[in-house]
């Protein structure tokens, strides 16, 4: 790929920028220069000082070498490299805590988010709202991604009480004052936008374009299932009590229904089909128990991380 011709290094003054753009990335060396060029062009339309903060989540394809070159030519580019892959949400935290702008835009580095939409998100926050929530139009994802996404969006709307349609879109703009109160929880929770909105921030949805992804999605069915469990544990108050009530009710209804059918069948045929319906009942109970155990496992994992005091991430190098 031909390298972008960069201008001489831009001198960064001591005054904080008006807009910070936090970009999380993993193995995006092939598209970083295009992302930089398009982002700078969009940000320069705003006519205000800005900075680009790239967080390399343990890339192995030379992405950070590209960031070093961009930083050397443009002081508005800052970069952090993790020692290994810690995940998108810890990477988001690393960028947000370093952002100096009064408006902070977050986006992925895979160019599915089109940088040309940055001015629209910034304008929405400048109009007076705390959060400009990106809403992906004409999503270019397979049904295996969009169907679980709709389920998770429905769960988050129910648990946060915020009626937006796309909690999973990472392309958003935040007023700095809305993010700061929840910085301690960002990264531990996997939905930064839901966390900010659940704290009472005002929100407006902004339609943003969504390009096809170059390569397979990093969200497998197993990872999406774990994400759903994370939503339950993180945003649903007292879920185990509610699930316990549901489990008791369902099992009771099943027991009564199967018992009534068995008695009727026994009277009519003089032969009670116990093994078949007993097996069905056992499988139903085991299914519920498995779900509860998975949820308890999510809680135990959180408790373990808090007790051990493990860091969200460790940084190998930083270009301030």
Protein backbone atom coordinates (compact mmCIF):
# COMPACT_ATOMS: atom_id res chain seq x y z
CA UNK A 1 0.00 0.00 0.00
CA UNK A 2 1.37 3.44 -0.91
CA UNK A 3 2.26 5.55 2.09
CA UNK A 4 0.43 8.81 2.66
CA UNK A 5 2.53 11.89 2.08
CA UNK A 6 2.61 13.72 5.39
CA UNK A 7 3.06 17.42 5.99
CA UNK A 8 5.81 18.70 8.30
CA UNK A 9 5.14 18.15 11.96
CA UNK A 10 2.41 20.31 13.43
CA UNK A 11 3.47 22.04 16.64
CA UNK A 12 1.16 21.22 19.56
CA UNK A 13 0.57 24.14 21.92
CA UNK A 14 -0.09 23.87 25.63
CA UNK A 15 -3.77 24.80 25.23
CA UNK A 16 -6.12 21.81 25.30
CA UNK A 17 -7.97 21.01 22.07
CA UNK A 18 -11.69 21.50 21.68
CA UNK A 19 -12.24 18.00 20.25
CA UNK A 20 -10.53 14.71 21.06
CA UNK A 21 -11.04 11.64 18.87
CA UNK A 22 -10.29 8.29 20.55
CA UNK A 23 -9.67 5.45 18.10
CA UNK A 24 -9.32 1.86 19.32
CA UNK A 25 -7.63 -0.55 16.95
CA UNK A 26 -6.26 -4.06 16.58
CA UNK A 27 -4.20 -5.08 13.55
CA UNK A 28 -5.30 -2.22 11.28
CA UNK A 29 -1.92 -1.29 9.75
CA UNK A 30 -3.32 -1.44 6.23
CA UNK A 31 -6.00 1.21 6.82
CA UNK A 32 -4.44 3.52 9.43
CA UNK A 33 -3.06 6.09 7.01
CA UNK A 34 -6.38 6.39 5.20
CA UNK A 35 -8.16 6.66 8.57
CA UNK A 36 -5.76 9.43 9.64
CA UNK A 37 -6.11 11.35 6.37
CA UNK A 38 -9.91 11.20 6.33
CA UNK A 39 -10.22 12.01 10.06
CA UNK A 40 -7.97 15.06 9.80
CA UNK A 41 -9.91 16.33 6.76
CA UNK A 42 -13.20 15.96 8.64
CA UNK A 43 -11.88 17.56 11.83
CA UNK A 44 -10.37 20.51 10.01
CA UNK A 45 -13.87 21.35 8.76
CA UNK A 46 -14.78 22.13 12.38
CA UNK A 47 -12.33 25.04 12.51
CA UNK A 48 -11.27 24.19 16.07
CA UNK A 49 -8.17 22.61 17.65
CA UNK A 50 -8.31 18.81 17.87
CA UNK A 51 -6.28 15.74 18.76
CA UNK A 52 -6.33 12.13 17.58
CA UNK A 53 -5.65 9.48 20.24
CA UNK A 54 -4.98 6.00 18.85
CA UNK A 55 -5.00 3.06 21.26
CA UNK A 56 -3.26 -0.03 19.87
CA UNK A 57 -4.76 -3.03 21.66
CA UNK A 58 -1.74 -5.30 21.21
CA UNK A 59 -1.52 -5.39 17.41
CA UNK A 60 0.92 -7.81 15.81
CA UNK A 61 0.90 -6.43 12.25
CA UNK A 62 3.05 -3.31 12.70
CA UNK A 63 0.18 -0.92 13.41
CA UNK A 64 2.18 0.96 16.04
CA UNK A 65 5.03 1.60 13.59
CA UNK A 66 2.52 3.40 11.38
CA UNK A 67 1.33 5.40 14.39
CA UNK A 68 4.91 6.37 15.23
CA UNK A 69 5.35 7.80 11.75
CA UNK A 70 2.05 9.69 11.93
CA UNK A 71 2.98 11.07 15.36
CA UNK A 72 6.39 12.18 14.09
CA UNK A 73 4.77 14.20 11.33
CA UNK A 74 1.76 15.55 13.23
CA UNK A 75 1.88 16.37 16.94
CA UNK A 76 -1.92 16.24 17.07
CA UNK A 77 -1.56 12.46 16.84
CA UNK A 78 -1.08 10.66 20.15
CA UNK A 79 -0.76 6.90 20.57
CA UNK A 80 -0.77 4.22 23.27
CA UNK A 81 0.35 0.64 22.76
CA UNK A 82 -0.78 -2.13 25.12
CA UNK A 83 1.62 -4.93 26.05
CA UNK A 84 -0.96 -7.45 24.84
CA UNK A 85 -4.54 -7.61 23.69
CA UNK A 86 -6.80 -6.51 26.58
CA UNK A 87 -10.00 -5.80 24.66
CA UNK A 88 -11.84 -2.90 23.07
CA UNK A 89 -13.34 -1.48 26.25
CA UNK A 90 -10.10 -1.24 28.29
CA UNK A 91 -8.61 0.39 25.18
CA UNK A 92 -11.50 2.86 25.19
CA UNK A 93 -10.74 3.67 28.84
CA UNK A 94 -7.07 4.32 28.06
CA UNK A 95 -8.06 6.84 25.41
CA UNK A 96 -10.81 8.54 27.38
CA UNK A 97 -8.68 9.19 30.47
CA UNK A 98 -6.10 10.90 28.25
CA UNK A 99 -8.53 12.93 26.14
CA UNK A 100 -8.24 16.67 26.81
CA UNK A 101 -11.04 18.01 24.62
CA UNK A 102 -14.39 19.26 25.89
CA UNK A 103 -15.99 17.00 23.29
CA UNK A 104 -14.72 13.43 22.93
CA UNK A 105 -15.51 11.31 19.87
CA UNK A 106 -15.00 7.54 20.04
CA UNK A 107 -14.67 5.25 17.05
CA UNK A 108 -13.21 1.94 15.87
CA UNK A 109 -10.15 1.87 13.67
CA UNK A 110 -11.46 -0.54 11.02
CA UNK A 111 -13.08 2.15 8.83
CA UNK A 112 -16.54 0.71 9.28
CA UNK A 113 -17.13 4.06 10.99
CA UNK A 114 -16.73 6.77 8.36
CA UNK A 115 -14.71 9.75 9.70
CA UNK A 116 -16.72 12.11 7.50
CA UNK A 117 -19.56 11.76 10.04
CA UNK A 118 -17.48 13.23 12.89
CA UNK A 119 -18.71 16.84 12.31
CA UNK A 120 -22.36 15.73 12.60
CA UNK A 121 -21.70 14.05 15.97
CA UNK A 122 -19.76 17.06 17.27
CA UNK A 123 -22.48 19.46 16.11
CA UNK A 124 -25.10 17.44 18.00
CA UNK A 125 -23.16 17.79 21.27
CA UNK A 126 -22.51 21.47 20.64
CA UNK A 127 -26.27 21.96 20.28
CA UNK A 128 -26.64 21.18 23.99
CA UNK A 129 -26.89 17.42 24.48
CA UNK A 130 -24.46 15.33 26.54
CA UNK A 131 -24.18 12.35 24.18
CA UNK A 132 -24.54 12.12 20.41
CA UNK A 133 -25.28 8.43 19.92
CA UNK A 134 -24.30 7.00 16.55
CA UNK A 135 -27.08 5.02 14.89
CA UNK A 136 -25.79 2.76 12.13
CA UNK A 137 -27.87 2.95 8.96
CA UNK A 138 -27.88 0.05 6.46
CA UNK A 139 -25.63 -2.14 8.59
CA UNK A 140 -23.26 -4.31 6.56
CA UNK A 141 -23.07 -7.18 9.03
CA UNK A 142 -24.29 -10.79 8.68
CA UNK A 143 -27.48 -11.85 10.46
CA UNK A 144 -25.32 -13.72 12.98
CA UNK A 145 -24.18 -10.31 14.21
CA UNK A 146 -27.31 -8.22 13.77
CA UNK A 147 -29.74 -10.66 15.45
CA UNK A 148 -27.79 -10.91 18.75
CA UNK A 149 -27.19 -7.16 18.55
CA UNK A 150 -30.94 -6.51 18.47
CA UNK A 151 -31.42 -8.75 21.49
CA UNK A 152 -28.69 -6.98 23.47
CA UNK A 153 -30.04 -3.57 22.46
CA UNK A 154 -33.46 -4.59 23.76
CA UNK A 155 -31.96 -5.72 27.06
CA UNK A 156 -30.07 -2.46 27.50
CA UNK A 157 -33.15 -0.37 26.71
CA UNK A 158 -35.05 -2.31 29.36
CA UNK A 159 -32.35 -2.12 32.04
CA UNK A 160 -31.18 1.49 31.51
CA UNK A 161 -34.58 2.99 30.68
CA UNK A 162 -33.00 4.87 27.73
CA UNK A 163 -34.87 4.50 24.44
CA UNK A 164 -32.13 4.54 21.82
CA UNK A 165 -31.85 1.99 19.05
CA UNK A 166 -28.11 1.26 18.81
CA UNK A 167 -26.21 0.80 22.06
CA UNK A 168 -23.56 -1.26 20.27
CA UNK A 169 -22.34 1.51 17.96
CA UNK A 170 -18.91 2.68 19.16
CA UNK A 171 -19.06 5.82 16.99
CA UNK A 172 -20.32 8.48 19.41
CA UNK A 173 -19.56 11.94 20.76
CA UNK A 174 -19.60 12.80 24.46
CA UNK A 175 -19.46 15.99 26.45
CA UNK A 176 -16.46 15.61 28.74
CA UNK A 177 -18.51 16.43 31.83
CA UNK A 178 -20.80 13.46 31.09
CA UNK A 179 -17.92 10.97 30.88
CA UNK A 180 -15.83 12.02 33.87
CA UNK A 181 -18.20 10.74 36.63
CA UNK A 182 -18.08 7.17 35.26
CA UNK A 183 -14.42 6.94 34.22
CA UNK A 184 -13.74 4.57 37.12
CA UNK A 185 -16.21 2.05 35.71
CA UNK A 186 -15.45 2.38 31.99
CA UNK A 187 -13.49 -0.63 30.84
CA UNK A 188 -14.93 -2.86 33.52
CA UNK A 189 -18.31 -2.44 31.86
CA UNK A 190 -18.43 -3.40 28.19
CA UNK A 191 -20.93 -0.75 27.10
CA UNK A 192 -19.44 2.70 27.64
CA UNK A 193 -22.41 4.49 26.12
CA UNK A 194 -24.94 2.60 28.26
CA UNK A 195 -22.86 3.37 31.36
CA UNK A 196 -22.76 7.11 30.61
CA UNK A 197 -26.48 7.23 29.79
CA UNK A 198 -27.47 5.26 32.88
CA UNK A 199 -25.85 8.03 34.94
CA UNK A 200 -28.44 10.49 33.60
CA UNK A 201 -26.74 12.04 30.57
CA UNK A 202 -28.99 13.49 27.88
CA UNK A 203 -28.79 11.87 24.45
CA UNK A 204 -29.72 12.41 20.83
CA UNK A 205 -29.33 9.84 18.06
CA UNK A 206 -27.38 10.75 14.93
CA UNK A 207 -27.46 8.58 11.81
CA UNK A 208 -23.97 7.49 10.76
CA UNK A 209 -22.87 5.43 7.79
CA UNK A 210 -21.62 1.89 8.23
CA UNK A 211 -19.17 0.37 5.77
CA UNK A 212 -18.59 -3.36 5.21
CA UNK A 213 -15.84 -4.82 7.35
CA UNK A 214 -12.66 -5.95 5.60
CA UNK A 215 -12.26 -9.41 7.14
CA UNK A 216 -14.15 -11.61 9.60
CA UNK A 217 -15.85 -10.16 12.66
CA UNK A 218 -14.08 -10.55 16.00
CA UNK A 219 -17.44 -11.17 17.70
CA UNK A 220 -18.07 -14.92 17.56
CA UNK A 221 -21.37 -16.44 18.77
CA UNK A 222 -19.62 -17.47 22.01
CA UNK A 223 -18.33 -13.95 22.56
CA UNK A 224 -21.78 -12.48 21.88
CA UNK A 225 -23.28 -14.89 24.43
CA UNK A 226 -20.74 -13.78 27.03
CA UNK A 227 -21.59 -10.18 26.14
CA UNK A 228 -25.26 -10.83 26.85
CA UNK A 229 -24.34 -12.29 30.26
CA UNK A 230 -22.23 -9.21 30.93
CA UNK A 231 -25.22 -6.99 30.20
CA UNK A 232 -27.35 -8.99 32.64
CA UNK A 233 -24.74 -8.83 35.39
CA UNK A 234 -23.84 -5.21 34.79
CA UNK A 235 -27.15 -3.47 34.16
CA UNK A 236 -29.90 -5.65 35.64
CA UNK A 237 -30.35 -5.07 39.38
CA UNK A 238 -30.70 -8.25 41.46
CA UNK A 239 -30.92 -10.62 38.47
CA UNK A 240 -30.44 -13.81 40.47
CA UNK A 241 -33.54 -13.09 42.56
CA UNK A 242 -35.63 -12.46 39.44
CA UNK A 243 -34.28 -15.53 37.68
CA UNK A 244 -34.94 -17.59 40.80
CA UNK A 245 -38.57 -16.45 40.81
CA UNK A 246 -38.90 -17.25 37.10
CA UNK A 247 -37.26 -20.64 37.60
CA UNK A 248 -39.64 -21.53 40.43
CA UNK A 249 -42.68 -20.40 38.46
CA UNK A 250 -41.73 -22.21 35.26
CA UNK A 251 -40.77 -25.41 37.03
CA UNK A 252 -44.01 -25.33 39.01
CA UNK A 253 -46.12 -24.84 35.88
CA UNK A 254 -44.21 -27.63 34.10
CA UNK A 255 -44.67 -29.96 37.06
CA UNK A 256 -48.40 -29.23 37.31
CA UNK A 257 -48.91 -29.56 33.56
CA UNK A 258 -46.97 -32.79 33.25
CA UNK A 259 -48.63 -34.18 36.37
CA UNK A 260 -52.12 -33.40 35.07
CA UNK A 261 -51.33 -34.88 31.67
CA UNK A 262 -49.84 -37.97 33.30
CA UNK A 263 -52.90 -38.54 35.46
CA UNK A 264 -55.23 -38.11 32.48
CA UNK A 265 -53.10 -40.43 30.35
CA UNK A 266 -52.91 -42.98 33.18
CA UNK A 267 -56.71 -42.99 33.62
CA UNK A 268 -57.36 -43.19 29.89
CA UNK A 269 -54.65 -45.70 28.91
CA UNK A 270 -53.81 -47.32 32.22
CA UNK A 271 -50.19 -46.56 31.44
CA UNK A 272 -48.39 -43.49 32.79
CA UNK A 273 -45.60 -42.23 30.38
CA UNK A 274 -43.26 -41.36 33.20
CA UNK A 275 -39.79 -41.76 31.63
CA UNK A 276 -40.51 -39.50 28.67
CA UNK A 277 -42.01 -36.61 30.58
CA UNK A 278 -39.64 -37.07 33.48
CA UNK A 279 -36.75 -36.63 31.04
CA UNK A 280 -38.31 -33.49 29.56
CA UNK A 281 -38.76 -31.99 33.02
CA UNK A 282 -35.18 -32.79 33.99
CA UNK A 283 -33.80 -31.21 30.83
CA UNK A 284 -35.83 -28.04 31.39
CA UNK A 285 -34.55 -27.71 34.96
CA UNK A 286 -30.98 -28.38 33.88
CA UNK A 287 -31.26 -25.70 31.19
CA UNK A 288 -32.33 -23.09 33.71
CA UNK A 289 -29.66 -24.19 36.15
CA UNK A 290 -26.99 -23.91 33.49
CA UNK A 291 -28.03 -20.33 32.72
CA UNK A 292 -27.99 -19.41 36.40
CA UNK A 293 -24.55 -20.95 36.84
CA UNK A 294 -23.27 -18.95 33.87
CA UNK A 295 -24.61 -15.76 35.42
CA UNK A 296 -23.06 -16.60 38.78
CA UNK A 297 -19.79 -17.23 36.97
CA UNK A 298 -19.93 -13.69 35.57
CA UNK A 299 -20.38 -12.29 39.07
CA UNK A 300 -17.59 -14.40 40.50
CA UNK A 301 -15.26 -13.28 37.72
CA UNK A 302 -15.98 -9.65 38.58
CA UNK A 303 -15.44 -10.25 42.29
CA UNK A 304 -12.14 -11.98 41.58
CA UNK A 305 -10.89 -9.10 39.44
CA UNK A 306 -11.82 -6.56 42.11
CA UNK A 307 -10.28 -8.58 44.95
CA UNK A 308 -7.04 -9.15 43.06
CA UNK A 309 -6.85 -5.52 41.99
CA UNK A 310 -5.63 -6.46 38.54
CA UNK A 311 -5.08 -3.51 36.17
CA UNK A 312 -7.41 -3.10 33.22
CA UNK A 313 -4.37 -2.97 30.95
CA UNK A 314 -0.62 -2.44 30.92
CA UNK A 315 1.03 0.00 28.55
CA UNK A 316 4.16 -0.84 26.60
CA UNK A 317 4.72 2.56 25.03
CA UNK A 318 3.02 5.93 24.79
CA UNK A 319 3.48 8.78 22.32
CA UNK A 320 2.11 11.86 24.13
